[in-house]
Amino acid sequence: MGFLTWIIFGLLAGAIAKAIMPGKQGGGWLITIILGIIGAFVGGAVGVYVLHWGDVTTFWNPRSWILAIGGALIVLWIYGMLTKKG
């Protein structure tokens, strides 16, 4: 995937993850994009290196979406734990 595609993919995965796990993590659309891109990378790495699914980095592959959203949920949860107040 190209750089712009990764940004769009990360934004969508991050937005879906934030809809699944809403909370008071803070941050706006920029944090959502960053967490989504990181989550997509984490999910892709899990798919390739842990699950041995091969190359799962195609935009229309359902595995890519599941892994990206799952990775974004994990990253969003970690971000929420790190930024939790009190």
PDB file of N, CA and C in Angstrom:
ATOM      1  N   MET A   1       0.843  -1.176   0.000  1.00  0.00           N
ATOM      2  CA  MET A   1       0.000   0.000   0.000  1.00  0.00           C
ATOM      3  C   MET A   1       0.886   1.236   0.000  1.00  0.00           C
ATOM      4  N   GLY A   2       0.393   2.281  -0.605  1.00  0.00           N
ATOM      5  CA  GLY A   2       1.115   3.535  -0.619  1.00  0.00           C
ATOM      6  C   GLY A   2       0.930   4.305   0.673  1.00  0.00           C
ATOM      7  N   PHE A   3       1.693   5.364   0.826  1.00  0.00           N
ATOM      8  CA  PHE A   3       1.685   6.163   2.049  1.00  0.00           C
ATOM      9  C   PHE A   3       0.306   6.759   2.314  1.00  0.00           C
ATOM     10  N   LEU A   4      -0.326   7.338   1.295  1.00  0.00           N
ATOM     11  CA  LEU A   4      -1.643   7.937   1.462  1.00  0.00           C
ATOM     12  C   LEU A   4      -2.685   6.871   1.816  1.00  0.00           C
ATOM     13  N   THR A   5      -2.554   5.696   1.221  1.00  0.00           N
ATOM     14  CA  THR A   5      -3.474   4.596   1.536  1.00  0.00           C
ATOM     15  C   THR A   5      -3.332   4.174   2.989  1.00  0.00           C
ATOM     16  N   TRP A   6      -2.082   4.130   3.502  1.00  0.00           N
ATOM     17  CA  TRP A   6      -1.862   3.782   4.912  1.00  0.00           C
ATOM     18  C   TRP A   6      -2.519   4.809   5.828  1.00  0.00           C
ATOM     19  N   ILE A   7      -2.471   6.075   5.453  1.00  0.00           N
ATOM     20  CA  ILE A   7      -3.093   7.115   6.278  1.00  0.00           C
ATOM     21  C   ILE A   7      -4.606   6.936   6.302  1.00  0.00           C
ATOM     22  N   ILE A   8      -5.194   6.702   5.125  1.00  0.00           N
ATOM     23  CA  ILE A   8      -6.643   6.497   5.052  1.00  0.00           C
ATOM     24  C   ILE A   8      -7.036   5.226   5.801  1.00  0.00           C
ATOM     25  N   PHE A   9      -6.289   4.160   5.576  1.00  0.00           N
ATOM     26  CA  PHE A   9      -6.535   2.885   6.250  1.00  0.00           C
ATOM     27  C   PHE A   9      -6.431   3.045   7.760  1.00  0.00           C
ATOM     28  N   GLY A  10      -5.382   3.736   8.214  1.00  0.00           N
ATOM     29  CA  GLY A  10      -5.192   3.977   9.646  1.00  0.00           C
ATOM     30  C   GLY A  10      -6.279   4.845  10.240  1.00  0.00           C
ATOM     31  N   LEU A  11      -6.706   5.865   9.496  1.00  0.00           N
ATOM     32  CA  LEU A  11      -7.781   6.730   9.973  1.00  0.00           C
ATOM     33  C   LEU A  11      -9.070   5.933  10.147  1.00  0.00           C
ATOM     34  N   LEU A  12      -9.411   5.131   9.153  1.00  0.00           N
ATOM     35  CA  LEU A  12     -10.632   4.330   9.233  1.00  0.00           C
ATOM     36  C   LEU A  12     -10.546   3.287  10.344  1.00  0.00           C
ATOM     37  N   ALA A  13      -9.424   2.598  10.432  1.00  0.00           N
ATOM     38  CA  ALA A  13      -9.253   1.584  11.486  1.00  0.00           C
ATOM     39  C   ALA A  13      -9.290   2.242  12.862  1.00  0.00           C
ATOM     40  N   GLY A  14      -8.656   3.389  13.013  1.00  0.00           N
ATOM     41  CA  GLY A  14      -8.670   4.099  14.289  1.00  0.00           C
ATOM     42  C   GLY A  14     -10.055   4.605  14.653  1.00  0.00           C
ATOM     43  N   ALA A  15     -10.791   5.099  13.662  1.00  0.00           N
ATOM     44  CA  ALA A  15     -12.147   5.585  13.914  1.00  0.00           C
ATOM     45  C   ALA A  15     -13.072   4.432  14.318  1.00  0.00           C
ATOM     46  N   ILE A  16     -12.945   3.297  13.648  1.00  0.00           N
ATOM     47  CA  ILE A  16     -13.763   2.132  13.999  1.00  0.00           C
ATOM     48  C   ILE A  16     -13.399   1.643  15.397  1.00  0.00           C
ATOM     49  N   ALA A  17     -12.093   1.594  15.689  1.00  0.00           N
ATOM     50  CA  ALA A  17     -11.658   1.156  17.021  1.00  0.00           C
ATOM     51  C   ALA A  17     -12.165   2.105  18.099  1.00  0.00           C
ATOM     52  N   LYS A  18     -12.145   3.408  17.825  1.00  0.00           N
ATOM     53  CA  LYS A  18     -12.627   4.377  18.810  1.00  0.00           C
ATOM     54  C   LYS A  18     -14.142   4.263  18.987  1.00  0.00           C
ATOM     55  N   ALA A  19     -14.857   3.897  17.930  1.00  0.00           N
ATOM     56  CA  ALA A  19     -16.302   3.688  18.041  1.00  0.00           C
ATOM     57  C   ALA A  19     -16.607   2.426  18.855  1.00  0.00           C
ATOM     58  N   ILE A  20     -15.769   1.406  18.700  1.00  0.00           N
ATOM     59  CA  ILE A  20     -15.958   0.171  19.452  1.00  0.00           C
ATOM     60  C   ILE A  20     -15.618   0.387  20.921  1.00  0.00           C
ATOM     61  N   MET A  21     -14.552   1.143  21.173  1.00  0.00           N
ATOM     62  CA  MET A  21     -14.090   1.363  22.542  1.00  0.00           C
ATOM     63  C   MET A  21     -14.043   2.859  22.839  1.00  0.00           C
ATOM     64  N   PRO A  22     -15.216   3.487  22.995  1.00  0.00           N
ATOM     65  CA  PRO A  22     -15.209   4.919  23.308  1.00  0.00           C
ATOM     66  C   PRO A  22     -14.722   5.140  24.730  1.00  0.00           C
ATOM     67  N   GLY A  23     -14.225   6.305  24.959  1.00  0.00           N
ATOM     68  CA  GLY A  23     -13.762   6.616  26.304  1.00  0.00           C
ATOM     69  C   GLY A  23     -13.217   8.018  26.358  1.00  0.00           C
ATOM     70  N   LYS A  24     -12.525   8.297  27.423  1.00  0.00           N
ATOM     71  CA  LYS A  24     -11.973   9.624  27.634  1.00  0.00           C
ATOM     72  C   LYS A  24     -10.473   9.617  27.365  1.00  0.00           C
ATOM     73  N   GLN A  25     -10.079   8.994  26.249  1.00  0.00           N
ATOM     74  CA  GLN A  25      -8.663   8.944  25.913  1.00  0.00           C
ATOM     75  C   GLN A  25      -8.138  10.306  25.487  1.00  0.00           C
ATOM     76  N   GLY A  26      -9.012  11.170  25.070  1.00  0.00           N
ATOM     77  CA  GLY A  26      -8.596  12.484  24.617  1.00  0.00           C
ATOM     78  C   GLY A  26      -8.025  12.426  23.216  1.00  0.00           C
ATOM     79  N   GLY A  27      -7.552  13.538  22.756  1.00  0.00           N
ATOM     80  CA  GLY A  27      -7.008  13.585  21.413  1.00  0.00           C
ATOM     81  C   GLY A  27      -8.117  13.732  20.392  1.00  0.00           C
ATOM     82  N   GLY A  28      -7.770  14.273  19.279  1.00  0.00           N
ATOM     83  CA  GLY A  28      -8.746  14.472  18.218  1.00  0.00           C
ATOM     84  C   GLY A  28      -8.457  13.569  17.040  1.00  0.00           C
ATOM     85  N   TRP A  29      -8.732  14.103  15.868  1.00  0.00           N
ATOM     86  CA  TRP A  29      -8.576  13.290  14.662  1.00  0.00           C
ATOM     87  C   TRP A  29      -7.121  12.950  14.391  1.00  0.00           C
ATOM     88  N   LEU A  30      -6.186  13.819  14.758  1.00  0.00           N
ATOM     89  CA  LEU A  30      -4.770  13.538  14.525  1.00  0.00           C
ATOM     90  C   LEU A  30      -4.304  12.352  15.375  1.00  0.00           C
ATOM     91  N   ILE A  31      -4.696  12.310  16.627  1.00  0.00           N
ATOM     92  CA  ILE A  31      -4.353  11.177  17.499  1.00  0.00           C
ATOM     93  C   ILE A  31      -5.016   9.909  16.969  1.00  0.00           C
ATOM     94  N   THR A  32      -6.257  10.034  16.475  1.00  0.00           N
ATOM     95  CA  THR A  32      -6.946   8.877  15.911  1.00  0.00           C
ATOM     96  C   THR A  32      -6.187   8.320  14.716  1.00  0.00           C
ATOM     97  N   ILE A  33      -5.700   9.197  13.839  1.00  0.00           N
ATOM     98  CA  ILE A  33      -4.915   8.754  12.685  1.00  0.00           C
ATOM     99  C   ILE A  33      -3.640   8.070  13.145  1.00  0.00           C
ATOM    100  N   ILE A  34      -2.933   8.698  14.063  1.00  0.00           N
ATOM    101  CA  ILE A  34      -1.656   8.144  14.532  1.00  0.00           C
ATOM    102  C   ILE A  34      -1.873   6.786  15.208  1.00  0.00           C
ATOM    103  N   LEU A  35      -2.852   6.709  16.098  1.00  0.00           N
ATOM    104  CA  LEU A  35      -3.136   5.437  16.765  1.00  0.00           C
ATOM    105  C   LEU A  35      -3.615   4.389  15.773  1.00  0.00           C
ATOM    106  N   GLY A  36      -4.393   4.799  14.794  1.00  0.00           N
ATOM    107  CA  GLY A  36      -4.857   3.867  13.772  1.00  0.00           C
ATOM    108  C   GLY A  36      -3.727   3.328  12.922  1.00  0.00           C
ATOM    109  N   ILE A  37      -2.794   4.192  12.528  1.00  0.00           N
ATOM    110  CA  ILE A  37      -1.643   3.751  11.733  1.00  0.00           C
ATOM    111  C   ILE A  37      -0.765   2.820  12.555  1.00  0.00           C
ATOM    112  N   ILE A  38      -0.503   3.189  13.801  1.00  0.00           N
ATOM    113  CA  ILE A  38       0.285   2.316  14.676  1.00  0.00           C
ATOM    114  C   ILE A  38      -0.444   0.991  14.888  1.00  0.00           C
ATOM    115  N   GLY A  39      -1.750   1.062  15.113  1.00  0.00           N
ATOM    116  CA  GLY A  39      -2.540  -0.149  15.291  1.00  0.00           C
ATOM    117  C   GLY A  39      -2.551  -1.027  14.054  1.00  0.00           C
ATOM    118  N   ALA A  40      -2.640  -0.413  12.885  1.00  0.00           N
ATOM    119  CA  ALA A  40      -2.590  -1.177  11.635  1.00  0.00           C
ATOM    120  C   ALA A  40      -1.236  -1.864  11.492  1.00  0.00           C
ATOM    121  N   PHE A  41      -0.181  -1.168  11.858  1.00  0.00           N
ATOM    122  CA  PHE A  41       1.157  -1.762  11.806  1.00  0.00           C
ATOM    123  C   PHE A  41       1.271  -2.921  12.794  1.00  0.00           C
ATOM    124  N   VAL A  42       0.790  -2.716  14.011  1.00  0.00           N
ATOM    125  CA  VAL A  42       0.839  -3.772  15.035  1.00  0.00           C
ATOM    126  C   VAL A  42       0.016  -4.976  14.596  1.00  0.00           C
ATOM    127  N   GLY A  43      -1.200  -4.726  14.121  1.00  0.00           N
ATOM    128  CA  GLY A  43      -2.046  -5.816  13.654  1.00  0.00           C
ATOM    129  C   GLY A  43      -1.435  -6.553  12.473  1.00  0.00           C
ATOM    130  N   GLY A  44      -0.857  -5.821  11.536  1.00  0.00           N
ATOM    131  CA  GLY A  44      -0.189  -6.451  10.396  1.00  0.00           C
ATOM    132  C   GLY A  44       1.001  -7.278  10.823  1.00  0.00           C
ATOM    133  N   ALA A  45       1.765  -6.770  11.787  1.00  0.00           N
ATOM    134  CA  ALA A  45       2.921  -7.516  12.294  1.00  0.00           C
ATOM    135  C   ALA A  45       2.473  -8.807  12.980  1.00  0.00           C
ATOM    136  N   VAL A  46       1.378  -8.738  13.744  1.00  0.00           N
ATOM    137  CA  VAL A  46       0.849  -9.944  14.380  1.00  0.00           C
ATOM    138  C   VAL A  46       0.421 -10.945  13.314  1.00  0.00           C
ATOM    139  N   GLY A  47      -0.265 -10.474  12.286  1.00  0.00           N
ATOM    140  CA  GLY A  47      -0.713 -11.364  11.214  1.00  0.00           C
ATOM    141  C   GLY A  47       0.428 -12.034  10.475  1.00  0.00           C
ATOM    142  N   VAL A  48       1.478 -11.286  10.210  1.00  0.00           N
ATOM    143  CA  VAL A  48       2.600 -11.825   9.436  1.00  0.00           C
ATOM    144  C   VAL A  48       3.522 -12.673  10.299  1.00  0.00           C
ATOM    145  N   TYR A  49       3.925 -12.150  11.470  1.00  0.00           N
ATOM    146  CA  TYR A  49       4.967 -12.811  12.252  1.00  0.00           C
ATOM    147  C   TYR A  49       4.453 -13.806  13.290  1.00  0.00           C
ATOM    148  N   VAL A  50       3.237 -13.598  13.797  1.00  0.00           N
ATOM    149  CA  VAL A  50       2.707 -14.497  14.823  1.00  0.00           C
ATOM    150  C   VAL A  50       1.771 -15.540  14.204  1.00  0.00           C
ATOM    151  N   LEU A  51       0.830 -15.069  13.386  1.00  0.00           N
ATOM    152  CA  LEU A  51      -0.148 -15.975  12.784  1.00  0.00           C
ATOM    153  C   LEU A  51       0.333 -16.591  11.467  1.00  0.00           C
ATOM    154  N   HIS A  52       1.411 -16.067  10.920  1.00  0.00           N
ATOM    155  CA  HIS A  52       2.011 -16.554   9.667  1.00  0.00           C
ATOM    156  C   HIS A  52       1.002 -16.564   8.529  1.00  0.00           C
ATOM    157  N   TRP A  53       0.240 -15.469   8.397  1.00  0.00           N
ATOM    158  CA  TRP A  53      -0.747 -15.340   7.337  1.00  0.00           C
ATOM    159  C   TRP A  53      -0.150 -14.808   6.053  1.00  0.00           C
ATOM    160  N   GLY A  54       1.124 -14.549   6.016  1.00  0.00           N
ATOM    161  CA  GLY A  54       1.740 -13.988   4.821  1.00  0.00           C
ATOM    162  C   GLY A  54       1.454 -12.504   4.720  1.00  0.00           C
ATOM    163  N   ASP A  55       1.492 -11.982   3.512  1.00  0.00           N
ATOM    164  CA  ASP A  55       1.278 -10.556   3.291  1.00  0.00           C
ATOM    165  C   ASP A  55      -0.208 -10.232   3.404  1.00  0.00           C
ATOM    166  N   VAL A  56      -0.579  -9.510   4.439  1.00  0.00           N
ATOM    167  CA  VAL A  56      -1.980  -9.153   4.659  1.00  0.00           C
ATOM    168  C   VAL A  56      -2.189  -7.655   4.521  1.00  0.00           C
ATOM    169  N   THR A  57      -1.398  -7.012   3.695  1.00  0.00           N
ATOM    170  CA  THR A  57      -1.448  -5.561   3.619  1.00  0.00           C
ATOM    171  C   THR A  57      -2.192  -5.065   2.385  1.00  0.00           C
ATOM    172  N   THR A  58      -3.247  -5.739   1.993  1.00  0.00           N
ATOM    173  CA  THR A  58      -4.066  -5.231   0.903  1.00  0.00           C
ATOM    174  C   THR A  58      -5.290  -4.543   1.488  1.00  0.00           C
ATOM    175  N   PHE A  59      -5.710  -3.483   0.869  1.00  0.00           N
ATOM    176  CA  PHE A  59      -6.781  -2.640   1.406  1.00  0.00           C
ATOM    177  C   PHE A  59      -8.106  -3.383   1.499  1.00  0.00           C
ATOM    178  N   TRP A  60      -8.418  -4.237   0.551  1.00  0.00           N
ATOM    179  CA  TRP A  60      -9.724  -4.885   0.504  1.00  0.00           C
ATOM    180  C   TRP A  60      -9.736  -6.263   1.150  1.00  0.00           C
ATOM    181  N   ASN A  61      -8.672  -6.670   1.771  1.00  0.00           N
ATOM    182  CA  ASN A  61      -8.593  -7.968   2.419  1.00  0.00           C
ATOM    183  C   ASN A  61      -9.261  -7.882   3.792  1.00  0.00           C
ATOM    184  N   PRO A  62     -10.281  -8.721   4.071  1.00  0.00           N
ATOM    185  CA  PRO A  62     -10.938  -8.670   5.392  1.00  0.00           C
ATOM    186  C   PRO A  62      -9.975  -8.929   6.551  1.00  0.00           C
ATOM    187  N   ARG A  63      -8.984  -9.777   6.326  1.00  0.00           N
ATOM    188  CA  ARG A  63      -7.990 -10.022   7.393  1.00  0.00           C
ATOM    189  C   ARG A  63      -7.253  -8.747   7.739  1.00  0.00           C
ATOM    190  N   SER A  64      -6.935  -7.950   6.735  1.00  0.00           N
ATOM    191  CA  SER A  64      -6.239  -6.685   6.983  1.00  0.00           C
ATOM    192  C   SER A  64      -7.059  -5.790   7.892  1.00  0.00           C
ATOM    193  N   TRP A  65      -8.363  -5.705   7.645  1.00  0.00           N
ATOM    194  CA  TRP A  65      -9.233  -4.862   8.460  1.00  0.00           C
ATOM    195  C   TRP A  65      -9.356  -5.391   9.875  1.00  0.00           C
ATOM    196  N   ILE A  66      -9.526  -6.699  10.005  1.00  0.00           N
ATOM    197  CA  ILE A  66      -9.643  -7.289  11.340  1.00  0.00           C
ATOM    198  C   ILE A  66      -8.363  -7.050  12.139  1.00  0.00           C
ATOM    199  N   LEU A  67      -7.227  -7.287  11.514  1.00  0.00           N
ATOM    200  CA  LEU A  67      -5.950  -7.090  12.204  1.00  0.00           C
ATOM    201  C   LEU A  67      -5.706  -5.620  12.521  1.00  0.00           C
ATOM    202  N   ALA A  68      -6.019  -4.724  11.576  1.00  0.00           N
ATOM    203  CA  ALA A  68      -5.789  -3.296  11.799  1.00  0.00           C
ATOM    204  C   ALA A  68      -6.682  -2.762  12.914  1.00  0.00           C
ATOM    205  N   ILE A  69      -7.950  -3.147  12.902  1.00  0.00           N
ATOM    206  CA  ILE A  69      -8.861  -2.685  13.946  1.00  0.00           C
ATOM    207  C   ILE A  69      -8.481  -3.299  15.290  1.00  0.00           C
ATOM    208  N   GLY A  70      -8.127  -4.584  15.292  1.00  0.00           N
ATOM    209  CA  GLY A  70      -7.674  -5.221  16.529  1.00  0.00           C
ATOM    210  C   GLY A  70      -6.417  -4.562  17.073  1.00  0.00           C
ATOM    211  N   GLY A  71      -5.469  -4.281  16.188  1.00  0.00           N
ATOM    212  CA  GLY A  71      -4.249  -3.589  16.609  1.00  0.00           C
ATOM    213  C   GLY A  71      -4.548  -2.194  17.124  1.00  0.00           C
ATOM    214  N   ALA A  72      -5.468  -1.493  16.456  1.00  0.00           N
ATOM    215  CA  ALA A  72      -5.837  -0.145  16.899  1.00  0.00           C
ATOM    216  C   ALA A  72      -6.531  -0.185  18.255  1.00  0.00           C
ATOM    217  N   LEU A  73      -7.347  -1.215  18.495  1.00  0.00           N
ATOM    218  CA  LEU A  73      -7.979  -1.358  19.808  1.00  0.00           C
ATOM    219  C   LEU A  73      -6.934  -1.551  20.906  1.00  0.00           C
ATOM    220  N   ILE A  74      -5.943  -2.365  20.617  1.00  0.00           N
ATOM    221  CA  ILE A  74      -4.874  -2.598  21.600  1.00  0.00           C
ATOM    222  C   ILE A  74      -4.100  -1.314  21.856  1.00  0.00           C
ATOM    223  N   VAL A  75      -3.732  -0.609  20.785  1.00  0.00           N
ATOM    224  CA  VAL A  75      -2.977   0.637  20.927  1.00  0.00           C
ATOM    225  C   VAL A  75      -3.825   1.691  21.639  1.00  0.00           C
ATOM    226  N   LEU A  76      -5.114   1.761  21.311  1.00  0.00           N
ATOM    227  CA  LEU A  76      -6.009   2.714  21.969  1.00  0.00           C
ATOM    228  C   LEU A  76      -6.147   2.405  23.457  1.00  0.00           C
ATOM    229  N   TRP A  77      -6.242   1.136  23.812  1.00  0.00           N
ATOM    230  CA  TRP A  77      -6.324   0.736  25.214  1.00  0.00           C
ATOM    231  C   TRP A  77      -5.045   1.128  25.958  1.00  0.00           C
ATOM    232  N   ILE A  78      -3.884   0.842  25.353  1.00  0.00           N
ATOM    233  CA  ILE A  78      -2.611   1.211  25.973  1.00  0.00           C
ATOM    234  C   ILE A  78      -2.511   2.724  26.125  1.00  0.00           C
ATOM    235  N   TYR A  79      -2.893   3.464  25.088  1.00  0.00           N
ATOM    236  CA  TYR A  79      -2.877   4.928  25.150  1.00  0.00           C
ATOM    237  C   TYR A  79      -3.792   5.433  26.263  1.00  0.00           C
ATOM    238  N   GLY A  80      -4.966   4.807  26.401  1.00  0.00           N
ATOM    239  CA  GLY A  80      -5.899   5.184  27.473  1.00  0.00           C
ATOM    240  C   GLY A  80      -5.317   4.930  28.848  1.00  0.00           C
ATOM    241  N   MET A  81      -4.602   3.812  28.998  1.00  0.00           N
ATOM    242  CA  MET A  81      -3.978   3.496  30.288  1.00  0.00           C
ATOM    243  C   MET A  81      -2.852   4.487  30.615  1.00  0.00           C
ATOM    244  N   LEU A  82      -2.099   4.873  29.600  1.00  0.00           N
ATOM    245  CA  LEU A  82      -0.978   5.792  29.823  1.00  0.00           C
ATOM    246  C   LEU A  82      -1.434   7.217  30.109  1.00  0.00           C
ATOM    247  N   THR A  83      -2.581   7.603  29.565  1.00  0.00           N
ATOM    248  CA  THR A  83      -3.052   8.970  29.743  1.00  0.00           C
ATOM    249  C   THR A  83      -4.153   9.096  30.779  1.00  0.00           C
ATOM    250  N   LYS A  84      -4.446   8.017  31.480  1.00  0.00           N
ATOM    251  CA  LYS A  84      -5.500   8.033  32.496  1.00  0.00           C
ATOM    252  C   LYS A  84      -5.117   8.986  33.614  1.00  0.00           C
ATOM    253  N   LYS A  85      -6.078   9.802  33.996  1.00  0.00           N
ATOM    254  CA  LYS A  85      -5.848  10.761  35.078  1.00  0.00           C
ATOM    255  C   LYS A  85      -6.431  10.239  36.372  1.00  0.00           C
ATOM    256  N   GLY A  86      -5.611  10.319  37.408  1.00  0.00           N
ATOM    257  CA  GLY A  86      -6.071   9.961  38.743  1.00  0.00           C
ATOM    258  C   GLY A  86      -6.356   8.555  38.864  1.00  0.00           C
TER     259      GLY A  86
END
